[in-house]
Amino acid sequence: MAPMKRPAASSASSAEKKAKGSTASKQFKEVAAALSQAEGWPKGVLAMLGENLQSILGQPKEERHDTQVRCAEMVAEIMKSIEENIQNQIKEAENKLAEAGTEKARREEKAAADSAEAAAKAAALEEAKKALDEATKEGKEAQKAVQAATKEQKAGDAENLANEEKKKDLDAALETIFKPLKEGAIEESARKKAIADVTKLGKEFVFDNALLTSLPSALSKKPEERGSFDGLVVNQLEKALTENAEKLAATLEAAAPAKQARADKVAEAQAALDAVTAKVKDCQEAVKNAEAALKEAETTSKASAKSVKQFGPEMKQTEASLSEAKENLESFASGAKATFQELVDKSSVVPEAEAAPAADEAAAPAEAEAAEAAPAAAA
């Protein structure tokens, strides 16, 4: 029955292989998990390497072909970058903590400066609003001045405008109606109306009723048919109309300086209004800009004050991040990094120091078997 013990040894060897296979699978998963967290590498490359670690590192290093070696080197480069990234995190946190005093002072100084700047912008806005109020008041006064000057001009020019209209009508009547009638140059069909127009004009400018009464008869005759009295009437009327035209011209000429002064006053008042209107517009723009500047300064000041307030919590968070990074580095070095190195270094060559115990282990089952067979032979 002794030979029946051999399968037990074979079963133990099989269990050992399964255990080794399970351990290797865990190692590949550990390294793959580390690769998936690497930064600065294409996700597709990381996934490809992680999924094929067994194909890359499953064989002893003596049996790996060139492609496996290159892939293993790439994984090594990525693992190195992971370690360097954690080390950089540690260095950054340590530097931040080392400069905490300087950073706090810098933030407090900036907060004070930003607060002063916001106060200055607020004062500037008040000045801009004050200037706008003053300009607006000036604008109202300038508008009143324009209205007063315009009213004065209208009143002062009223008589002048009437005289200008009279002069215009009188000059037109002398040239287009009276002279043609005097010279007999108006046709018979238009003569009656022309005489009526001249008579009307005469009533306006001539005050001799006897002259006006004799006018229609004198003008209805042709020049060669007029008697001495008719000629006297026509000449007297012409003289009266001409004298009135000259009087109107003299009146207009005498009133011209005052008229010009009123026009100049209106123009000056309007120019002042235009200037203050532009000033109001500039002040409005200045207020708008000052409001924007104040808003920006207040936003900056609030951010600076918040930065000072957050300094303490930030330092605590930095300390926590430093502690976490150190733990991550230790975990990575003793975990995924060591596991990867073990897989890389796996060899099919058994060192001599390990070969002797292996031989002893192989001989042990044979010695045990011989020991069991001895009592049976004696029997």
Protein backbone atom coordinates (compact mmCIF):
# COMPACT_ATOMS: atom_id res chain seq x y z
CA MET A 1 0.00 0.00 0.00
CA ALA A 2 3.04 2.26 0.31
CA PRO A 3 3.03 3.36 -3.34
CA MET A 4 -0.40 4.92 -2.81
CA LYS A 5 1.24 7.86 -0.92
CA ARG A 6 2.78 9.40 -4.07
CA PRO A 7 -0.45 11.04 -5.29
CA ALA A 8 -0.58 12.96 -2.02
CA ALA A 9 2.75 14.58 -2.84
CA SER A 10 1.55 15.41 -6.35
CA SER A 11 -1.60 17.00 -4.90
CA ALA A 12 0.46 19.20 -2.61
CA SER A 13 2.57 20.36 -5.56
CA SER A 14 -0.58 21.28 -7.48
CA ALA A 15 -1.92 23.31 -4.54
CA GLU A 16 1.41 25.15 -4.31
CA LYS A 17 1.20 26.08 -8.01
CA LYS A 18 -2.33 27.38 -7.58
CA ALA A 19 -1.21 29.48 -4.63
CA LYS A 20 1.65 30.94 -6.68
CA GLY A 21 -0.72 31.66 -9.56
CA SER A 22 -3.13 33.44 -7.25
CA THR A 23 -0.29 35.54 -5.80
CA ALA A 24 0.94 36.52 -9.28
CA SER A 25 -2.57 37.56 -10.30
CA LYS A 26 -2.79 39.81 -7.24
CA GLN A 27 0.59 41.31 -8.11
CA PHE A 28 -0.49 42.15 -11.67
CA LYS A 29 -3.70 43.73 -10.38
CA GLU A 30 -1.75 45.81 -7.83
CA VAL A 31 0.62 47.17 -10.48
CA ALA A 32 -2.25 47.73 -12.95
CA ALA A 33 -4.16 49.73 -10.33
CA ALA A 34 -1.11 51.93 -9.77
CA LEU A 35 -0.68 52.46 -13.53
CA SER A 36 -4.30 53.56 -13.91
CA GLN A 37 -3.66 56.50 -11.52
CA ALA A 38 -0.59 57.81 -13.38
CA GLU A 39 -0.80 61.43 -14.56
CA GLY A 40 0.51 62.83 -17.83
CA TRP A 41 0.10 59.63 -19.80
CA PRO A 42 -2.56 58.71 -22.38
CA LYS A 43 -5.35 56.74 -20.74
CA GLY A 44 -5.36 54.27 -23.60
CA VAL A 45 -1.67 53.46 -23.11
CA LEU A 46 -2.12 52.96 -19.36
CA ALA A 47 -5.10 50.68 -19.92
CA MET A 48 -3.25 48.64 -22.56
CA LEU A 49 -0.22 48.10 -20.33
CA GLY A 50 -2.33 47.31 -17.29
CA GLU A 51 -4.39 44.71 -19.13
CA ASN A 52 -1.28 43.01 -20.57
CA LEU A 53 0.99 42.91 -17.52
CA GLN A 54 0.81 39.14 -17.34
CA SER A 55 1.91 38.89 -20.97
CA ILE A 56 4.72 41.37 -20.30
CA LEU A 57 6.03 40.15 -16.95
CA GLY A 58 4.53 36.67 -16.58
CA GLN A 59 7.70 34.92 -17.81
CA PRO A 60 11.11 34.96 -16.15
CA LYS A 61 13.36 37.76 -17.39
CA GLU A 62 15.64 35.29 -19.23
CA GLU A 63 12.73 34.16 -21.41
CA ARG A 64 11.27 37.58 -22.32
CA HIS A 65 11.51 38.73 -25.95
CA ASP A 66 12.35 42.27 -27.06
CA THR A 67 8.75 43.53 -27.17
CA GLN A 68 8.15 42.36 -23.60
CA VAL A 69 11.38 44.03 -22.49
CA ARG A 70 10.42 47.36 -24.12
CA CYS A 71 6.95 47.22 -22.60
CA ALA A 72 8.45 46.47 -19.18
CA GLU A 73 10.76 49.47 -19.56
CA MET A 74 7.77 51.67 -20.40
CA VAL A 75 5.96 50.43 -17.30
CA ALA A 76 9.09 51.17 -15.29
CA GLU A 77 9.15 54.72 -16.66
CA ILE A 78 5.54 55.22 -15.70
CA MET A 79 6.11 53.83 -12.22
CA LYS A 80 9.03 56.22 -11.84
CA SER A 81 6.83 59.17 -12.88
CA ILE A 82 4.22 58.13 -10.29
CA GLU A 83 6.85 58.15 -7.55
CA GLU A 84 8.27 61.50 -8.73
CA ASN A 85 4.79 63.01 -8.79
CA ILE A 86 4.21 62.01 -5.16
CA GLN A 87 7.66 63.33 -4.23
CA ASN A 88 6.84 66.64 -5.95
CA GLN A 89 3.61 66.85 -3.95
CA ILE A 90 5.60 66.37 -0.76
CA LYS A 91 8.16 69.00 -1.78
CA GLU A 92 5.48 71.49 -2.75
CA ALA A 93 3.64 71.04 0.56
CA GLU A 94 6.87 71.34 2.55
CA ASN A 95 7.84 74.54 0.70
CA LYS A 96 4.38 75.98 1.28
CA LEU A 97 4.60 75.29 4.99
CA ALA A 98 8.15 76.67 5.16
CA GLU A 99 6.99 79.94 3.58
CA ALA A 100 3.82 80.20 5.67
CA GLY A 101 4.99 83.24 7.65
CA THR A 102 6.02 85.18 4.57
CA GLU A 103 2.84 84.22 2.71
CA LYS A 104 0.62 85.31 5.60
CA ALA A 105 2.34 88.71 5.77
CA ARG A 106 2.07 89.10 2.01
CA ARG A 107 -1.65 88.38 2.08
CA GLU A 108 -2.28 90.77 4.96
CA GLU A 109 -0.30 93.51 3.22
CA LYS A 110 -2.18 92.98 -0.02
CA ALA A 111 -5.53 92.98 1.80
CA ALA A 112 -4.68 96.31 3.43
CA ALA A 113 -3.55 97.82 0.12
CA ASP A 114 -6.66 96.56 -1.69
CA SER A 115 -8.91 97.92 1.05
CA ALA A 116 -7.23 101.34 0.77
CA GLU A 117 -7.62 101.22 -3.01
CA ALA A 118 -11.33 100.45 -2.66
CA ALA A 119 -11.72 103.39 -0.28
CA ALA A 120 -9.93 105.66 -2.76
CA LYS A 121 -12.21 104.47 -5.56
CA ALA A 122 -15.27 105.16 -3.39
CA ALA A 123 -14.02 108.70 -2.74
CA ALA A 124 -13.38 109.17 -6.46
CA LEU A 125 -16.94 108.08 -7.22
CA GLU A 126 -18.32 110.63 -4.76
CA GLU A 127 -16.25 113.36 -6.41
CA ALA A 128 -17.49 112.29 -9.83
CA LYS A 129 -21.11 112.38 -8.64
CA LYS A 130 -20.56 115.80 -7.12
CA ALA A 131 -19.10 117.08 -10.39
CA LEU A 132 -22.09 115.65 -12.26
CA ASP A 133 -24.54 117.38 -9.92
CA GLU A 134 -22.77 120.71 -10.42
CA ALA A 135 -22.65 120.27 -14.18
CA THR A 136 -26.34 119.37 -14.22
CA LYS A 137 -27.15 122.57 -12.31
CA GLU A 138 -25.00 124.56 -14.75
CA GLY A 139 -26.90 122.94 -17.58
CA LYS A 140 -30.24 124.04 -16.16
CA GLU A 141 -28.98 127.60 -15.74
CA ALA A 142 -27.57 127.59 -19.27
CA GLN A 143 -30.90 126.36 -20.61
CA LYS A 144 -32.67 129.21 -18.82
CA ALA A 145 -30.18 131.69 -20.28
CA VAL A 146 -30.86 130.42 -23.80
CA GLN A 147 -34.60 130.68 -23.27
CA ALA A 148 -34.29 134.24 -21.89
CA ALA A 149 -32.02 135.37 -24.72
CA THR A 150 -34.31 133.79 -27.31
CA LYS A 151 -37.35 135.46 -25.78
CA GLU A 152 -35.55 138.81 -25.74
CA GLN A 153 -34.49 138.34 -29.35
CA LYS A 154 -38.00 137.46 -30.43
CA ALA A 155 -39.47 140.52 -28.71
CA GLY A 156 -36.73 142.88 -29.93
CA ASP A 157 -36.82 141.58 -33.49
CA ALA A 158 -40.62 141.67 -33.82
CA GLU A 159 -40.71 145.31 -35.07
CA ASN A 160 -37.66 144.73 -37.24
CA LEU A 161 -39.24 141.70 -38.88
CA ALA A 162 -42.41 143.70 -39.57
CA ASN A 163 -40.37 146.54 -41.09
CA GLU A 164 -38.34 144.09 -43.17
CA GLU A 165 -41.57 142.59 -44.51
CA LYS A 166 -42.94 146.06 -45.29
CA LYS A 167 -39.72 147.05 -47.04
CA LYS A 168 -39.80 143.87 -49.05
CA ASP A 169 -43.43 144.39 -50.10
CA LEU A 170 -42.87 148.08 -50.85
CA ASP A 171 -39.80 147.43 -53.00
CA ALA A 172 -41.63 144.69 -54.88
CA ALA A 173 -44.69 146.92 -55.44
CA LEU A 174 -42.59 149.82 -56.72
CA GLU A 175 -40.74 147.62 -59.22
CA THR A 176 -43.46 145.22 -60.37
CA ILE A 177 -46.66 147.27 -60.08
CA PHE A 178 -46.24 151.02 -59.75
CA LYS A 179 -43.51 151.54 -62.35
CA PRO A 180 -45.30 149.40 -65.01
CA LEU A 181 -48.52 151.41 -64.36
CA LYS A 182 -46.65 154.68 -64.50
CA GLU A 183 -45.03 153.69 -67.77
CA GLY A 184 -48.26 152.19 -69.19
CA ALA A 185 -46.62 148.81 -69.54
CA ILE A 186 -49.45 146.77 -67.95
CA GLU A 187 -52.06 145.24 -70.19
CA GLU A 188 -55.61 146.49 -70.01
CA SER A 189 -56.92 143.25 -68.43
CA ALA A 190 -54.46 143.45 -65.50
CA ARG A 191 -54.55 147.21 -65.03
CA LYS A 192 -57.59 147.40 -62.77
CA LYS A 193 -56.13 144.95 -60.22
CA ALA A 194 -52.73 146.63 -60.35
CA ILE A 195 -54.36 150.06 -59.65
CA ALA A 196 -56.20 148.52 -56.68
CA ASP A 197 -52.94 147.07 -55.30
CA VAL A 198 -51.14 150.42 -55.64
CA THR A 199 -54.04 152.24 -54.03
CA LYS A 200 -53.95 149.83 -51.11
CA LEU A 201 -50.20 150.37 -50.80
CA GLY A 202 -50.76 154.12 -50.93
CA LYS A 203 -53.28 153.98 -48.10
CA GLU A 204 -50.64 152.22 -45.99
CA PHE A 205 -47.82 154.69 -46.68
CA VAL A 206 -49.43 157.92 -47.96
CA PHE A 207 -51.73 160.03 -45.81
CA ASP A 208 -53.03 162.55 -48.43
CA ASN A 209 -56.61 161.43 -49.14
CA ALA A 210 -56.97 163.83 -52.07
CA LEU A 211 -53.94 162.25 -53.67
CA LEU A 212 -55.28 158.74 -53.11
CA THR A 213 -58.71 159.72 -54.49
CA SER A 214 -57.17 161.02 -57.72
CA LEU A 215 -54.79 158.03 -58.07
CA PRO A 216 -57.09 155.52 -59.88
CA SER A 217 -58.05 158.06 -62.54
CA ALA A 218 -54.44 159.12 -63.17
CA LEU A 219 -53.03 155.57 -63.40
CA SER A 220 -55.85 154.29 -65.62
CA LYS A 221 -54.70 156.62 -68.39
CA LYS A 222 -51.80 156.03 -70.67
CA PRO A 223 -48.81 158.28 -70.00
CA GLU A 224 -49.42 160.36 -73.10
CA GLU A 225 -53.10 160.86 -72.13
CA ARG A 226 -52.40 162.19 -68.65
CA GLY A 227 -52.84 165.86 -67.90
CA SER A 228 -50.59 167.95 -65.68
CA PHE A 229 -52.66 167.11 -62.59
CA ASP A 230 -52.51 163.41 -63.38
CA GLY A 231 -48.76 163.68 -63.70
CA LEU A 232 -48.57 165.51 -60.38
CA VAL A 233 -50.58 162.75 -58.67
CA VAL A 234 -48.40 160.00 -60.07
CA ASN A 235 -45.18 161.82 -59.18
CA GLN A 236 -46.38 162.63 -55.67
CA LEU A 237 -47.31 158.99 -55.06
CA GLU A 238 -43.96 157.77 -56.37
CA LYS A 239 -42.16 160.25 -54.16
CA ALA A 240 -44.16 159.22 -51.10
CA LEU A 241 -43.57 155.49 -51.70
CA THR A 242 -39.84 156.04 -52.36
CA GLU A 243 -39.44 158.15 -49.25
CA ASN A 244 -41.19 155.49 -47.15
CA ALA A 245 -38.93 152.81 -48.60
CA GLU A 246 -35.90 154.95 -47.69
CA LYS A 247 -37.27 155.55 -44.18
CA LEU A 248 -37.77 151.82 -43.68
CA ALA A 249 -34.23 151.13 -44.90
CA ALA A 250 -32.88 153.75 -42.50
CA THR A 251 -34.91 152.30 -39.62
CA LEU A 252 -33.66 148.79 -40.37
CA GLU A 253 -30.10 150.02 -40.61
CA ALA A 254 -30.36 151.83 -37.29
CA ALA A 255 -31.84 148.73 -35.62
CA ALA A 256 -29.21 146.37 -37.10
CA PRO A 257 -26.63 146.70 -34.23
CA ALA A 258 -29.24 145.93 -31.58
CA LYS A 259 -30.54 143.05 -33.65
CA GLN A 260 -27.02 141.67 -34.05
CA ALA A 261 -26.37 142.07 -30.32
CA ARG A 262 -29.50 140.04 -29.54
CA ALA A 263 -28.44 137.36 -32.04
CA ASP A 264 -24.94 137.30 -30.55
CA LYS A 265 -26.42 136.94 -27.07
CA VAL A 266 -28.51 133.96 -28.19
CA ALA A 267 -25.50 132.36 -29.92
CA GLU A 268 -23.33 132.92 -26.85
CA ALA A 269 -25.95 131.42 -24.55
CA GLN A 270 -26.38 128.45 -26.91
CA ALA A 271 -22.62 127.91 -27.06
CA ALA A 272 -22.52 127.92 -23.26
CA LEU A 273 -25.37 125.41 -23.19
CA ASP A 274 -23.61 123.18 -25.71
CA ALA A 275 -20.42 123.30 -23.65
CA VAL A 276 -22.16 122.44 -20.39
CA THR A 277 -24.14 119.70 -22.14
CA ALA A 278 -20.86 118.13 -23.25
CA LYS A 279 -19.56 118.61 -19.71
CA VAL A 280 -22.59 116.78 -18.29
CA LYS A 281 -22.01 113.94 -20.74
CA ASP A 282 -18.35 113.71 -19.70
CA CYS A 283 -19.34 113.74 -16.04
CA GLN A 284 -21.87 110.98 -16.63
CA GLU A 285 -19.18 108.89 -18.31
CA ALA A 286 -16.82 109.65 -15.43
CA VAL A 287 -19.41 108.45 -12.90
CA LYS A 288 -19.98 105.28 -14.93
CA ASN A 289 -16.23 104.58 -15.05
CA ALA A 290 -15.84 105.38 -11.36
CA GLU A 291 -18.65 102.96 -10.48
CA ALA A 292 -17.00 100.21 -12.54
CA ALA A 293 -13.62 100.93 -10.93
CA LEU A 294 -15.13 100.82 -7.45
CA LYS A 295 -16.90 97.55 -8.18
CA GLU A 296 -13.66 96.00 -9.41
CA ALA A 297 -11.70 97.34 -6.42
CA GLU A 298 -14.31 96.05 -3.97
CA THR A 299 -14.24 92.62 -5.61
CA THR A 300 -10.44 92.54 -5.34
CA SER A 301 -10.56 93.73 -1.73
CA LYS A 302 -13.11 91.07 -0.77
CA ALA A 303 -11.00 88.40 -2.43
CA SER A 304 -7.89 89.59 -0.53
CA ALA A 305 -9.74 89.63 2.80
CA LYS A 306 -11.08 86.15 2.07
CA SER A 307 -7.56 84.99 1.26
CA VAL A 308 -6.34 86.18 4.68
CA LYS A 309 -9.25 84.46 6.39
CA GLN A 310 -8.60 81.21 4.54
CA PHE A 311 -4.87 81.15 5.29
CA GLY A 312 -5.19 79.13 8.52
CA PRO A 313 -7.47 76.44 7.04
CA GLU A 314 -5.25 76.28 3.95
CA MET A 315 -2.19 75.56 6.07
CA LYS A 316 -4.04 72.83 7.94
CA GLN A 317 -5.08 71.34 4.63
CA THR A 318 -1.48 71.55 3.41
CA GLU A 319 -0.29 69.71 6.51
CA ALA A 320 -2.90 67.04 5.92
CA SER A 321 -1.93 66.80 2.25
CA LEU A 322 1.75 66.45 3.23
CA SER A 323 0.97 63.66 5.64
CA GLU A 324 -1.18 61.93 3.05
CA ALA A 325 1.48 62.29 0.35
CA LYS A 326 4.14 60.78 2.61
CA GLU A 327 1.84 57.88 3.40
CA ASN A 328 1.12 57.44 -0.31
CA LEU A 329 4.84 57.43 -1.10
CA GLU A 330 5.56 54.83 1.58
CA SER A 331 2.59 52.74 0.45
CA PHE A 332 3.64 52.98 -3.20
CA ALA A 333 7.27 52.12 -2.47
CA SER A 334 6.45 49.10 -0.34
CA GLY A 335 3.48 48.11 -2.47
CA ALA A 336 3.11 48.56 -6.22
CA LYS A 337 6.73 49.64 -6.80
CA ALA A 338 8.21 46.69 -4.85
CA THR A 339 5.77 44.29 -6.48
CA PHE A 340 6.64 45.56 -9.93
CA GLN A 341 10.36 45.24 -9.22
CA GLU A 342 9.79 41.67 -7.99
CA LEU A 343 8.00 40.81 -11.23
CA VAL A 344 10.74 42.45 -13.30
CA ASP A 345 13.48 40.58 -11.43
CA LYS A 346 11.75 37.17 -11.56
CA SER A 347 14.32 34.65 -12.87
CA SER A 348 14.33 31.02 -13.96
CA VAL A 349 17.87 30.58 -12.60
CA VAL A 350 17.88 29.14 -9.07
CA PRO A 351 20.74 30.49 -6.90
CA GLU A 352 23.07 27.83 -5.40
CA ALA A 353 22.12 28.78 -1.88
CA GLU A 354 18.53 27.89 -2.70
CA ALA A 355 19.35 24.74 -4.79
CA ALA A 356 20.60 22.60 -1.83
CA PRO A 357 17.46 22.97 0.27
CA ALA A 358 15.44 22.18 -2.85
CA ALA A 359 17.38 18.94 -3.33
CA ASP A 360 16.85 18.00 0.29
CA GLU A 361 13.14 18.63 -0.10
CA ALA A 362 13.07 16.37 -3.17
CA ALA A 363 14.89 13.56 -1.30
CA ALA A 364 12.67 13.73 1.74
CA PRO A 365 9.67 11.93 0.17
CA ALA A 366 11.97 9.10 -1.02
CA GLU A 367 13.48 8.65 2.48
CA ALA A 368 10.05 8.60 4.05
CA GLU A 369 8.91 6.01 1.54
CA ALA A 370 11.94 3.80 2.26
CA ALA A 371 11.29 4.05 5.97
CA GLU A 372 7.77 2.87 5.53
CA ALA A 373 8.86 -0.05 3.31
CA ALA A 374 11.45 -1.37 5.84
CA PRO A 375 8.97 -2.86 8.43
CA ALA A 376 7.12 -4.61 5.63
CA ALA A 377 10.29 -6.34 4.36
CA ALA A 378 11.21 -7.46 7.88
CA ALA A 379 7.82 -9.03 8.27
